[in-house]
N, C-alpha and C. Protein backbone atom coordinates (compact mmCIF):
# COMPACT_ATOMS: atom_id res chain seq x y z
N MET A 1 -3.74 -17.60 33.73
CA MET A 1 -4.96 -18.32 34.10
C MET A 1 -4.65 -19.77 34.41
N PHE A 2 -3.88 -20.43 33.49
CA PHE A 2 -3.59 -21.85 33.67
C PHE A 2 -2.85 -22.10 34.98
N ASP A 3 -1.85 -21.27 35.29
CA ASP A 3 -1.12 -21.43 36.54
C ASP A 3 -2.03 -21.23 37.74
N ASN A 4 -2.95 -20.29 37.66
CA ASN A 4 -3.82 -19.98 38.79
C ASN A 4 -4.77 -21.10 39.13
N ILE A 5 -5.19 -21.88 38.14
CA ILE A 5 -6.16 -22.93 38.44
C ILE A 5 -5.57 -24.33 38.25
N MET A 6 -4.25 -24.43 38.36
CA MET A 6 -3.60 -25.72 38.20
C MET A 6 -4.16 -26.76 39.17
N GLU A 7 -4.56 -26.32 40.37
CA GLU A 7 -5.03 -27.27 41.37
C GLU A 7 -6.29 -28.01 40.94
N ILE A 8 -7.04 -27.46 39.99
CA ILE A 8 -8.24 -28.16 39.55
C ILE A 8 -8.05 -28.82 38.20
N GLN A 9 -6.89 -28.66 37.58
CA GLN A 9 -6.70 -29.18 36.24
C GLN A 9 -6.59 -30.69 36.19
N LEU A 10 -5.98 -31.31 37.18
CA LEU A 10 -5.87 -32.76 37.19
C LEU A 10 -7.24 -33.41 37.10
N GLU A 11 -8.16 -32.93 37.92
CA GLU A 11 -9.51 -33.50 37.91
C GLU A 11 -10.22 -33.20 36.59
N LYS A 12 -10.07 -31.99 36.07
CA LYS A 12 -10.72 -31.62 34.82
C LYS A 12 -10.21 -32.47 33.67
N ILE A 13 -8.89 -32.65 33.59
CA ILE A 13 -8.31 -33.46 32.51
C ILE A 13 -8.78 -34.90 32.62
N SER A 14 -8.83 -35.40 33.84
CA SER A 14 -9.31 -36.77 34.06
C SER A 14 -10.73 -36.93 33.53
N VAL A 15 -11.60 -35.99 33.88
CA VAL A 15 -13.00 -36.05 33.43
C VAL A 15 -13.08 -35.99 31.92
N GLN A 16 -12.28 -35.12 31.29
CA GLN A 16 -12.34 -34.96 29.84
C GLN A 16 -11.87 -36.22 29.12
N ILE A 17 -10.81 -36.86 29.63
CA ILE A 17 -10.32 -38.09 28.98
C ILE A 17 -11.35 -39.21 29.13
N GLU A 18 -11.93 -39.34 30.30
CA GLU A 18 -12.96 -40.36 30.49
C GLU A 18 -14.17 -40.08 29.59
N ARG A 19 -14.46 -38.82 29.40
CA ARG A 19 -15.56 -38.44 28.51
C ARG A 19 -15.25 -38.86 27.07
N ILE A 20 -14.01 -38.67 26.66
CA ILE A 20 -13.60 -39.07 25.31
C ILE A 20 -13.75 -40.58 25.14
N LEU A 21 -13.31 -41.34 26.14
CA LEU A 21 -13.42 -42.79 26.07
C LEU A 21 -14.88 -43.22 25.95
N PHE A 22 -15.73 -42.61 26.75
CA PHE A 22 -17.15 -42.98 26.77
C PHE A 22 -17.85 -42.59 25.48
N GLU A 23 -17.67 -41.34 25.06
CA GLU A 23 -18.40 -40.84 23.90
C GLU A 23 -17.93 -41.49 22.59
N ASN A 24 -16.70 -41.98 22.57
CA ASN A 24 -16.18 -42.62 21.36
C ASN A 24 -16.15 -44.14 21.49
N ASN A 25 -16.67 -44.63 22.61
CA ASN A 25 -16.74 -46.08 22.84
C ASN A 25 -15.36 -46.73 22.66
N LEU A 26 -14.38 -46.15 23.33
CA LEU A 26 -13.00 -46.61 23.19
C LEU A 26 -12.49 -47.26 24.47
N LEU A 27 -11.62 -48.24 24.30
CA LEU A 27 -10.85 -48.76 25.41
C LEU A 27 -9.62 -47.88 25.59
N LEU A 28 -9.03 -47.95 26.76
CA LEU A 28 -7.84 -47.14 27.02
C LEU A 28 -6.74 -47.46 26.01
N SER A 29 -6.57 -48.73 25.73
CA SER A 29 -5.52 -49.16 24.79
C SER A 29 -5.79 -48.61 23.39
N GLU A 30 -7.07 -48.51 23.02
CA GLU A 30 -7.42 -47.98 21.71
C GLU A 30 -7.12 -46.50 21.61
N LEU A 31 -7.41 -45.76 22.68
CA LEU A 31 -7.07 -44.33 22.69
C LEU A 31 -5.56 -44.14 22.60
N ALA A 32 -4.81 -44.99 23.27
CA ALA A 32 -3.35 -44.92 23.21
C ALA A 32 -2.86 -45.15 21.79
N ASP A 33 -3.42 -46.15 21.11
CA ASP A 33 -3.02 -46.46 19.73
C ASP A 33 -3.33 -45.29 18.79
N LYS A 34 -4.50 -44.68 18.98
CA LYS A 34 -4.94 -43.63 18.06
C LYS A 34 -4.21 -42.31 18.29
N THR A 35 -3.64 -42.13 19.47
CA THR A 35 -2.95 -40.88 19.79
C THR A 35 -1.43 -41.02 19.84
N GLY A 36 -0.95 -42.25 19.80
CA GLY A 36 0.49 -42.48 19.89
C GLY A 36 1.03 -42.35 21.30
N LEU A 37 0.13 -42.37 22.28
CA LEU A 37 0.55 -42.25 23.68
C LEU A 37 0.65 -43.63 24.32
N ILE A 38 1.18 -43.66 25.52
CA ILE A 38 1.31 -44.91 26.28
C ILE A 38 0.10 -45.06 27.17
N ALA A 39 -0.53 -46.23 27.13
CA ALA A 39 -1.75 -46.46 27.89
C ALA A 39 -1.54 -46.21 29.38
N GLU A 40 -0.40 -46.58 29.89
CA GLU A 40 -0.12 -46.38 31.32
C GLU A 40 -0.09 -44.89 31.66
N ASP A 41 0.46 -44.09 30.77
CA ASP A 41 0.48 -42.64 31.00
C ASP A 41 -0.94 -42.08 31.02
N ILE A 42 -1.76 -42.52 30.05
CA ILE A 42 -3.14 -42.03 30.01
C ILE A 42 -3.88 -42.42 31.29
N GLN A 43 -3.64 -43.63 31.78
CA GLN A 43 -4.28 -44.06 33.03
C GLN A 43 -3.85 -43.18 34.19
N ASN A 44 -2.58 -42.78 34.19
CA ASN A 44 -2.10 -41.87 35.24
C ASN A 44 -2.81 -40.53 35.17
N TYR A 45 -3.11 -40.05 33.95
CA TYR A 45 -3.84 -38.80 33.80
C TYR A 45 -5.26 -38.95 34.33
N ILE A 46 -5.87 -40.10 34.03
CA ILE A 46 -7.23 -40.35 34.51
C ILE A 46 -7.27 -40.46 36.02
N ASP A 47 -6.24 -41.07 36.60
CA ASP A 47 -6.18 -41.26 38.05
C ASP A 47 -5.68 -40.02 38.79
N CYS A 48 -5.42 -38.94 38.03
CA CYS A 48 -4.94 -37.67 38.61
C CYS A 48 -3.57 -37.82 39.29
N ARG A 49 -2.76 -38.72 38.78
CA ARG A 49 -1.42 -38.92 39.35
C ARG A 49 -0.40 -37.94 38.77
N ARG A 50 -0.67 -37.48 37.56
CA ARG A 50 0.23 -36.50 36.94
C ARG A 50 -0.52 -35.75 35.86
N ILE A 51 -0.05 -34.55 35.62
CA ILE A 51 -0.67 -33.73 34.58
C ILE A 51 0.07 -33.99 33.26
N PRO A 52 -0.65 -34.17 32.17
CA PRO A 52 0.02 -34.51 30.91
C PRO A 52 0.80 -33.33 30.35
N PRO A 53 1.91 -33.63 29.67
CA PRO A 53 2.63 -32.55 28.98
C PRO A 53 1.80 -32.04 27.82
N LEU A 54 2.14 -30.86 27.36
CA LEU A 54 1.38 -30.24 26.28
C LEU A 54 1.35 -31.13 25.03
N SER A 55 2.45 -31.83 24.76
CA SER A 55 2.49 -32.69 23.57
C SER A 55 1.43 -33.78 23.64
N SER A 56 1.20 -34.34 24.83
CA SER A 56 0.17 -35.38 25.00
C SER A 56 -1.22 -34.79 24.84
N VAL A 57 -1.41 -33.60 25.41
CA VAL A 57 -2.70 -32.94 25.30
C VAL A 57 -3.02 -32.64 23.85
N LYS A 58 -2.02 -32.18 23.10
CA LYS A 58 -2.22 -31.88 21.69
C LYS A 58 -2.60 -33.13 20.91
N ALA A 59 -1.98 -34.23 21.24
CA ALA A 59 -2.27 -35.49 20.55
C ALA A 59 -3.72 -35.92 20.78
N ILE A 60 -4.18 -35.79 22.01
CA ILE A 60 -5.56 -36.17 22.34
C ILE A 60 -6.54 -35.20 21.68
N ALA A 61 -6.21 -33.91 21.74
CA ALA A 61 -7.09 -32.89 21.17
C ALA A 61 -7.22 -33.06 19.65
N GLU A 62 -6.11 -33.36 18.99
CA GLU A 62 -6.15 -33.55 17.53
C GLU A 62 -7.00 -34.76 17.17
N PHE A 63 -6.94 -35.80 17.98
CA PHE A 63 -7.72 -37.01 17.70
C PHE A 63 -9.22 -36.72 17.72
N ILE A 64 -9.67 -35.86 18.64
CA ILE A 64 -11.11 -35.58 18.74
C ILE A 64 -11.49 -34.26 18.08
N SER A 65 -10.54 -33.64 17.40
CA SER A 65 -10.79 -32.37 16.69
C SER A 65 -11.33 -31.30 17.63
N LYS A 66 -10.69 -31.17 18.77
CA LYS A 66 -11.04 -30.14 19.74
C LYS A 66 -9.82 -29.25 20.00
N PRO A 67 -10.03 -28.00 20.44
CA PRO A 67 -8.89 -27.17 20.81
C PRO A 67 -8.19 -27.73 22.05
N VAL A 68 -6.92 -27.43 22.17
CA VAL A 68 -6.15 -27.90 23.32
C VAL A 68 -6.80 -27.48 24.63
N GLY A 69 -7.34 -26.27 24.65
CA GLY A 69 -7.97 -25.76 25.87
C GLY A 69 -9.11 -26.63 26.37
N TRP A 70 -9.77 -27.33 25.46
CA TRP A 70 -10.91 -28.17 25.85
C TRP A 70 -10.47 -29.28 26.79
N ILE A 71 -9.26 -29.81 26.58
CA ILE A 71 -8.74 -30.86 27.45
C ILE A 71 -8.43 -30.30 28.83
N TYR A 72 -7.85 -29.13 28.86
CA TYR A 72 -7.48 -28.52 30.14
C TYR A 72 -8.68 -27.97 30.91
N PHE A 73 -9.60 -27.34 30.17
CA PHE A 73 -10.63 -26.54 30.84
C PHE A 73 -12.07 -26.94 30.57
N GLY A 74 -12.31 -27.82 29.59
CA GLY A 74 -13.68 -28.10 29.21
C GLY A 74 -14.18 -27.02 28.26
N GLU A 75 -15.50 -26.86 28.19
CA GLU A 75 -16.08 -25.82 27.35
C GLU A 75 -15.73 -24.44 27.91
N VAL A 76 -15.86 -23.42 27.06
CA VAL A 76 -15.50 -22.06 27.48
C VAL A 76 -16.28 -21.64 28.73
N ASN A 77 -17.59 -21.96 28.77
CA ASN A 77 -18.38 -21.55 29.93
C ASN A 77 -17.95 -22.30 31.20
N GLU A 78 -17.44 -23.52 31.05
CA GLU A 78 -16.93 -24.26 32.21
C GLU A 78 -15.66 -23.61 32.74
N TYR A 79 -14.82 -23.20 31.81
CA TYR A 79 -13.58 -22.50 32.15
C TYR A 79 -13.88 -21.20 32.92
N ILE A 80 -14.87 -20.46 32.43
CA ILE A 80 -15.27 -19.21 33.09
C ILE A 80 -15.83 -19.50 34.48
N TYR A 81 -16.66 -20.54 34.56
CA TYR A 81 -17.24 -20.93 35.85
C TYR A 81 -16.14 -21.27 36.86
N ASP A 82 -15.18 -22.10 36.46
CA ASP A 82 -14.09 -22.49 37.36
C ASP A 82 -13.30 -21.28 37.85
N TYR A 83 -13.05 -20.35 36.94
CA TYR A 83 -12.29 -19.15 37.31
C TYR A 83 -13.06 -18.32 38.35
N LEU A 84 -14.36 -18.13 38.11
CA LEU A 84 -15.15 -17.33 39.04
C LEU A 84 -15.33 -18.02 40.39
N VAL A 85 -15.39 -19.35 40.38
CA VAL A 85 -15.43 -20.08 41.65
C VAL A 85 -14.16 -19.82 42.45
N LEU A 86 -13.02 -19.85 41.77
CA LEU A 86 -11.76 -19.58 42.45
C LEU A 86 -11.70 -18.14 42.96
N ARG A 87 -12.43 -17.25 42.31
CA ARG A 87 -12.49 -15.86 42.77
C ARG A 87 -13.46 -15.69 43.94
N GLY A 88 -14.18 -16.75 44.31
CA GLY A 88 -15.06 -16.69 45.48
C GLY A 88 -16.51 -16.42 45.17
N TYR A 89 -16.95 -16.65 43.93
CA TYR A 89 -18.31 -16.30 43.55
C TYR A 89 -19.23 -17.52 43.37
N GLU A 90 -18.91 -18.63 44.02
CA GLU A 90 -19.70 -19.84 43.83
C GLU A 90 -21.15 -19.65 44.25
N ALA A 91 -21.37 -18.96 45.36
CA ALA A 91 -22.74 -18.75 45.84
C ALA A 91 -23.56 -17.98 44.80
N MET A 92 -22.99 -16.96 44.21
CA MET A 92 -23.69 -16.19 43.18
C MET A 92 -23.95 -17.05 41.95
N LEU A 93 -22.98 -17.86 41.57
CA LEU A 93 -23.14 -18.72 40.40
C LEU A 93 -24.22 -19.76 40.62
N ASN A 94 -24.38 -20.22 41.85
CA ASN A 94 -25.44 -21.18 42.15
C ASN A 94 -26.82 -20.54 41.96
N ASP A 95 -26.94 -19.28 42.31
CA ASP A 95 -28.23 -18.58 42.17
C ASP A 95 -28.44 -18.00 40.77
N TYR A 96 -27.34 -17.70 40.09
CA TYR A 96 -27.43 -17.12 38.75
C TYR A 96 -26.54 -17.95 37.80
N PRO A 97 -26.97 -19.18 37.48
CA PRO A 97 -26.12 -20.10 36.71
C PRO A 97 -25.87 -19.69 35.26
N ASP A 98 -26.58 -18.67 34.78
CA ASP A 98 -26.38 -18.25 33.39
C ASP A 98 -25.18 -17.31 33.23
N ILE A 99 -24.55 -16.90 34.32
CA ILE A 99 -23.46 -15.93 34.25
C ILE A 99 -22.33 -16.39 33.32
N PRO A 100 -21.80 -17.62 33.48
CA PRO A 100 -20.70 -18.02 32.58
C PRO A 100 -21.08 -17.98 31.11
N ARG A 101 -22.32 -18.36 30.79
CA ARG A 101 -22.73 -18.34 29.38
C ARG A 101 -22.89 -16.90 28.87
N ARG A 102 -23.29 -15.99 29.74
CA ARG A 102 -23.38 -14.60 29.33
C ARG A 102 -22.00 -14.05 28.98
N ILE A 103 -21.01 -14.40 29.79
CA ILE A 103 -19.65 -13.95 29.52
C ILE A 103 -19.10 -14.63 28.27
N GLU A 104 -19.41 -15.92 28.12
CA GLU A 104 -18.99 -16.64 26.92
C GLU A 104 -19.59 -15.99 25.67
N TYR A 105 -20.85 -15.60 25.74
CA TYR A 105 -21.50 -14.96 24.59
C TYR A 105 -20.76 -13.68 24.22
N ASP A 106 -20.42 -12.86 25.22
CA ASP A 106 -19.70 -11.62 24.95
C ASP A 106 -18.32 -11.91 24.35
N PHE A 107 -17.69 -12.98 24.83
CA PHE A 107 -16.37 -13.35 24.33
C PHE A 107 -16.42 -13.73 22.86
N ILE A 108 -17.45 -14.47 22.49
CA ILE A 108 -17.57 -14.97 21.12
C ILE A 108 -18.19 -13.95 20.19
N ASN A 109 -19.16 -13.18 20.70
CA ASN A 109 -19.95 -12.30 19.83
C ASN A 109 -19.79 -10.82 20.15
N GLY A 110 -18.83 -10.48 20.99
CA GLY A 110 -18.67 -9.10 21.41
C GLY A 110 -18.54 -8.13 20.25
N GLU A 111 -19.15 -6.97 20.41
CA GLU A 111 -19.15 -5.96 19.34
C GLU A 111 -17.73 -5.51 18.99
N PHE A 112 -16.87 -5.47 20.00
CA PHE A 112 -15.50 -5.01 19.78
C PHE A 112 -14.52 -6.18 19.96
N LYS A 113 -14.78 -7.29 19.25
CA LYS A 113 -13.96 -8.49 19.37
C LYS A 113 -12.49 -8.16 19.20
N ASN A 114 -11.67 -8.62 20.14
CA ASN A 114 -10.25 -8.29 20.16
C ASN A 114 -9.44 -9.57 20.37
N PRO A 115 -8.49 -9.88 19.50
CA PRO A 115 -7.67 -11.08 19.68
C PRO A 115 -6.93 -11.09 21.02
N GLY A 116 -6.70 -9.90 21.57
CA GLY A 116 -6.02 -9.81 22.85
C GLY A 116 -6.83 -10.36 24.01
N TRP A 117 -8.12 -10.60 23.77
CA TRP A 117 -8.96 -11.19 24.82
C TRP A 117 -8.64 -12.67 25.03
N GLU A 118 -7.96 -13.29 24.06
CA GLU A 118 -7.72 -14.73 24.11
C GLU A 118 -6.34 -15.05 24.66
N ASN A 119 -6.26 -16.15 25.44
CA ASN A 119 -4.97 -16.64 25.87
C ASN A 119 -4.43 -17.62 24.83
N GLN A 120 -3.36 -18.29 25.14
CA GLN A 120 -2.71 -19.17 24.16
C GLN A 120 -3.56 -20.38 23.79
N TYR A 121 -4.59 -20.65 24.60
CA TYR A 121 -5.47 -21.79 24.32
C TYR A 121 -6.75 -21.36 23.59
N GLY A 122 -6.88 -20.07 23.29
CA GLY A 122 -8.08 -19.58 22.63
C GLY A 122 -9.23 -19.34 23.58
N TYR A 123 -8.94 -19.30 24.87
CA TYR A 123 -9.96 -19.07 25.88
C TYR A 123 -9.80 -17.65 26.42
N PRO A 124 -10.85 -17.09 27.06
CA PRO A 124 -10.78 -15.68 27.49
C PRO A 124 -9.74 -15.43 28.57
N GLU A 125 -9.02 -14.36 28.41
CA GLU A 125 -8.06 -13.92 29.42
C GLU A 125 -8.79 -13.52 30.70
N GLU A 126 -8.08 -13.58 31.81
CA GLU A 126 -8.67 -13.21 33.10
C GLU A 126 -9.23 -11.80 33.07
N VAL A 127 -8.49 -10.87 32.47
CA VAL A 127 -8.93 -9.48 32.48
C VAL A 127 -10.24 -9.33 31.72
N PHE A 128 -10.44 -10.13 30.67
CA PHE A 128 -11.69 -10.07 29.93
C PHE A 128 -12.84 -10.57 30.80
N ILE A 129 -12.63 -11.70 31.47
CA ILE A 129 -13.67 -12.23 32.36
C ILE A 129 -14.00 -11.24 33.45
N ASP A 130 -12.96 -10.66 34.05
CA ASP A 130 -13.17 -9.69 35.13
C ASP A 130 -13.97 -8.48 34.64
N ASP A 131 -13.62 -7.97 33.47
CA ASP A 131 -14.32 -6.80 32.94
C ASP A 131 -15.79 -7.11 32.67
N CYS A 132 -16.06 -8.26 32.06
CA CYS A 132 -17.46 -8.63 31.79
C CYS A 132 -18.23 -8.86 33.08
N PHE A 133 -17.56 -9.51 34.02
CA PHE A 133 -18.23 -9.87 35.26
C PHE A 133 -18.54 -8.67 36.14
N PHE A 134 -17.79 -7.60 35.98
CA PHE A 134 -17.94 -6.42 36.83
C PHE A 134 -19.39 -5.92 36.82
N ASP A 135 -19.94 -5.70 35.64
CA ASP A 135 -21.32 -5.20 35.54
C ASP A 135 -22.33 -6.28 35.90
N ILE A 136 -22.04 -7.52 35.51
CA ILE A 136 -22.97 -8.62 35.82
C ILE A 136 -23.05 -8.82 37.33
N GLU A 137 -21.92 -8.75 38.00
CA GLU A 137 -21.89 -8.94 39.46
C GLU A 137 -22.72 -7.88 40.15
N ARG A 138 -22.60 -6.65 39.71
CA ARG A 138 -23.37 -5.56 40.31
C ARG A 138 -24.87 -5.77 40.07
N GLU A 139 -25.22 -6.16 38.87
CA GLU A 139 -26.62 -6.42 38.52
C GLU A 139 -27.20 -7.54 39.39
N CYS A 140 -26.46 -8.64 39.52
CA CYS A 140 -26.94 -9.78 40.32
C CYS A 140 -26.99 -9.44 41.81
N MET A 141 -25.99 -8.68 42.26
CA MET A 141 -25.97 -8.28 43.66
C MET A 141 -27.18 -7.39 43.98
N ASN A 142 -27.48 -6.45 43.11
CA ASN A 142 -28.63 -5.58 43.34
C ASN A 142 -29.93 -6.38 43.35
N ASP A 143 -30.03 -7.34 42.44
CA ASP A 143 -31.22 -8.19 42.41
C ASP A 143 -31.32 -9.00 43.69
N HIS A 144 -30.20 -9.50 44.16
CA HIS A 144 -30.17 -10.29 45.39
C HIS A 144 -30.60 -9.45 46.59
N VAL A 145 -30.10 -8.24 46.67
CA VAL A 145 -30.46 -7.35 47.78
C VAL A 145 -31.95 -7.02 47.70
N ARG A 146 -32.44 -6.78 46.50
CA ARG A 146 -33.87 -6.50 46.34
C ARG A 146 -34.73 -7.66 46.85
N LEU A 147 -34.36 -8.87 46.48
CA LEU A 147 -35.10 -10.04 46.93
C LEU A 147 -35.00 -10.20 48.45
N SER A 148 -33.84 -9.88 49.00
CA SER A 148 -33.66 -9.95 50.45
C SER A 148 -34.54 -8.92 51.15
N ALA A 149 -34.65 -7.73 50.56
CA ALA A 149 -35.51 -6.69 51.13
C ALA A 149 -36.98 -7.12 51.08
N LEU A 150 -37.38 -7.72 49.98
CA LEU A 150 -38.76 -8.20 49.84
C LEU A 150 -39.06 -9.29 50.86
N ARG A 151 -38.10 -10.15 51.13
CA ARG A 151 -38.30 -11.19 52.14
C ARG A 151 -38.46 -10.57 53.52
N TYR A 152 -37.66 -9.54 53.78
CA TYR A 152 -37.77 -8.85 55.07
C TYR A 152 -39.15 -8.21 55.22
N LEU A 153 -39.59 -7.54 54.18
CA LEU A 153 -40.89 -6.85 54.24
C LEU A 153 -42.05 -7.83 54.33
N ALA A 154 -41.87 -9.02 53.81
CA ALA A 154 -42.93 -10.03 53.88
C ALA A 154 -43.18 -10.48 55.31
N HIS A 155 -42.20 -10.27 56.18
CA HIS A 155 -42.32 -10.71 57.57
C HIS A 155 -42.40 -9.55 58.56
N HIS A 156 -42.47 -8.33 58.03
CA HIS A 156 -42.55 -7.16 58.91
C HIS A 156 -43.60 -6.19 58.34
N ASN A 157 -44.41 -5.68 59.20
CA ASN A 157 -45.49 -4.79 58.77
C ASN A 157 -45.00 -3.34 58.76
N ILE A 158 -44.54 -2.91 57.59
CA ILE A 158 -44.09 -1.52 57.41
C ILE A 158 -45.24 -0.74 56.77
N PRO A 159 -45.72 0.30 57.42
CA PRO A 159 -46.91 1.03 56.92
C PRO A 159 -46.61 1.99 55.76
N PHE A 160 -46.33 1.44 54.60
CA PHE A 160 -46.13 2.29 53.42
C PHE A 160 -47.47 2.89 52.99
N ARG A 161 -47.42 4.12 52.53
CA ARG A 161 -48.65 4.79 52.11
C ARG A 161 -49.10 4.37 50.72
N SER A 162 -48.14 3.82 49.94
CA SER A 162 -48.49 3.41 48.59
C SER A 162 -47.47 2.40 48.08
N PHE A 163 -47.82 1.74 47.01
CA PHE A 163 -46.91 0.80 46.37
C PHE A 163 -45.66 1.53 45.87
N LYS A 164 -45.86 2.74 45.35
CA LYS A 164 -44.74 3.52 44.86
C LYS A 164 -43.76 3.83 45.98
N GLU A 165 -44.27 4.18 47.16
CA GLU A 165 -43.40 4.46 48.29
C GLU A 165 -42.60 3.22 48.68
N LYS A 166 -43.25 2.08 48.64
CA LYS A 166 -42.56 0.82 48.97
C LYS A 166 -41.43 0.57 47.97
N GLU A 167 -41.72 0.75 46.69
CA GLU A 167 -40.71 0.53 45.66
C GLU A 167 -39.53 1.49 45.81
N LEU A 168 -39.84 2.75 46.14
CA LEU A 168 -38.77 3.73 46.34
C LEU A 168 -37.88 3.33 47.51
N SER A 169 -38.49 2.82 48.57
CA SER A 169 -37.73 2.40 49.75
C SER A 169 -36.83 1.22 49.43
N ILE A 170 -37.36 0.29 48.66
CA ILE A 170 -36.56 -0.87 48.28
C ILE A 170 -35.37 -0.44 47.41
N ASN A 171 -35.64 0.47 46.47
CA ASN A 171 -34.55 0.96 45.62
C ASN A 171 -33.49 1.68 46.45
N ARG A 172 -33.93 2.41 47.46
CA ARG A 172 -32.98 3.13 48.31
C ARG A 172 -32.10 2.17 49.10
N VAL A 173 -32.69 1.10 49.62
CA VAL A 173 -31.89 0.17 50.41
C VAL A 173 -30.94 -0.62 49.49
N VAL A 174 -31.36 -0.88 48.26
CA VAL A 174 -30.46 -1.52 47.30
C VAL A 174 -29.26 -0.62 47.04
N ASN A 175 -29.53 0.67 46.83
CA ASN A 175 -28.44 1.63 46.60
C ASN A 175 -27.56 1.77 47.83
N LEU A 176 -28.18 1.70 49.02
CA LEU A 176 -27.42 1.83 50.26
C LEU A 176 -26.43 0.68 50.41
N VAL A 177 -26.90 -0.54 50.17
CA VAL A 177 -26.00 -1.69 50.26
C VAL A 177 -24.86 -1.56 49.25
N SER A 178 -25.18 -1.10 48.04
CA SER A 178 -24.16 -0.92 47.02
C SER A 178 -23.12 0.10 47.46
N GLU A 179 -23.58 1.20 48.07
CA GLU A 179 -22.66 2.24 48.54
C GLU A 179 -21.78 1.74 49.67
N VAL A 180 -22.37 0.99 50.59
CA VAL A 180 -21.59 0.45 51.71
C VAL A 180 -20.53 -0.52 51.20
N ARG A 181 -20.91 -1.37 50.24
CA ARG A 181 -19.96 -2.31 49.67
C ARG A 181 -18.81 -1.57 48.98
N GLU A 182 -19.17 -0.53 48.24
CA GLU A 182 -18.15 0.23 47.51
C GLU A 182 -17.22 0.95 48.48
N TYR A 183 -17.77 1.42 49.58
CA TYR A 183 -16.97 2.18 50.55
C TYR A 183 -16.09 1.26 51.39
N THR A 184 -16.66 0.15 51.86
CA THR A 184 -15.91 -0.73 52.78
C THR A 184 -15.17 -1.85 52.04
N GLY A 185 -15.84 -2.41 51.02
CA GLY A 185 -15.23 -3.49 50.26
C GLY A 185 -15.00 -4.76 51.04
N ASP A 186 -15.70 -4.91 52.17
CA ASP A 186 -15.39 -6.06 53.04
C ASP A 186 -16.52 -7.07 53.14
N PHE A 187 -17.52 -7.00 52.28
CA PHE A 187 -18.51 -8.07 52.25
C PHE A 187 -19.08 -8.21 50.84
N GLY A 188 -19.58 -9.40 50.56
CA GLY A 188 -20.07 -9.68 49.22
C GLY A 188 -21.38 -10.43 49.22
N TYR A 189 -21.64 -11.07 48.12
CA TYR A 189 -22.92 -11.75 47.90
C TYR A 189 -23.21 -12.80 48.96
N GLU A 190 -22.18 -13.53 49.34
CA GLU A 190 -22.37 -14.64 50.27
C GLU A 190 -22.52 -14.18 51.73
N ASP A 191 -22.28 -12.91 51.98
CA ASP A 191 -22.36 -12.40 53.36
C ASP A 191 -23.78 -11.93 53.66
N GLN A 192 -24.69 -12.89 53.73
CA GLN A 192 -26.11 -12.58 53.88
C GLN A 192 -26.41 -11.86 55.18
N ASP A 193 -25.69 -12.20 56.25
CA ASP A 193 -25.93 -11.54 57.54
C ASP A 193 -25.68 -10.05 57.45
N ASP A 194 -24.62 -9.66 56.76
CA ASP A 194 -24.31 -8.23 56.59
C ASP A 194 -25.38 -7.52 55.77
N ILE A 195 -25.82 -8.19 54.72
CA ILE A 195 -26.87 -7.62 53.88
C ILE A 195 -28.15 -7.44 54.68
N ASP A 196 -28.53 -8.48 55.41
CA ASP A 196 -29.76 -8.42 56.21
C ASP A 196 -29.68 -7.35 57.29
N PHE A 197 -28.49 -7.17 57.86
CA PHE A 197 -28.33 -6.15 58.91
C PHE A 197 -28.60 -4.76 58.35
N ILE A 198 -28.04 -4.46 57.17
CA ILE A 198 -28.25 -3.14 56.56
C ILE A 198 -29.72 -2.95 56.22
N ILE A 199 -30.34 -3.97 55.68
CA ILE A 199 -31.77 -3.88 55.32
C ILE A 199 -32.62 -3.65 56.56
N GLU A 200 -32.38 -4.41 57.60
CA GLU A 200 -33.16 -4.26 58.82
C GLU A 200 -32.97 -2.90 59.46
N ASP A 201 -31.72 -2.45 59.49
CA ASP A 201 -31.42 -1.15 60.08
C ASP A 201 -32.11 -0.04 59.29
N TYR A 202 -32.11 -0.16 57.97
CA TYR A 202 -32.73 0.87 57.13
C TYR A 202 -34.24 0.96 57.40
N PHE A 203 -34.90 -0.17 57.36
CA PHE A 203 -36.37 -0.16 57.50
C PHE A 203 -36.81 0.19 58.93
N LYS A 204 -35.98 -0.05 59.89
CA LYS A 204 -36.30 0.33 61.26
C LYS A 204 -36.24 1.84 61.43
N ARG A 205 -35.50 2.52 60.58
CA ARG A 205 -35.30 3.96 60.72
C ARG A 205 -36.29 4.78 59.89
N ILE A 206 -37.07 4.14 59.03
CA ILE A 206 -37.97 4.95 58.21
C ILE A 206 -39.34 5.09 58.88
């Protein structure tokens, strides 16, 4: 996980160190004194000029009584969010911002808690995030397609005989999009044009 998101770690570490300075009302020199680090090195971390070695991160983490992972990744839900963004799910996360916290809850309170879910920093392994997200992604995608179908119907006069018939049709188009995605695997949540095409084609044929 750490290697995969190294490109965002410089900025994350910078933000976390600045947060420590602000929340503890510290000068850079004071943080250096309290951690045994060199002020110039800490400034380089803040300026994103270099990533700190693990020994420096441990020193900062011990000073604020936080896990090492907090310096690298922020809170657990932030770590999950960053990982899913790198996987291409930013659009879904914007519409369903509770997803990272749902996965975090399962990680912390899961019925079958397993130490193997944690990486060396005490944060969830990629496979754990992927497994949790699998069902959540399908749930959110189906909800998104349903809302898209309702928007389509709001602008088109489809002569349904009853509310039940309308609901059945919406459920069918949701299932259709799911089946097409499973079969082709070439479009996702952010591909609204593809979703709208399937919805329009379906309702034109009924």
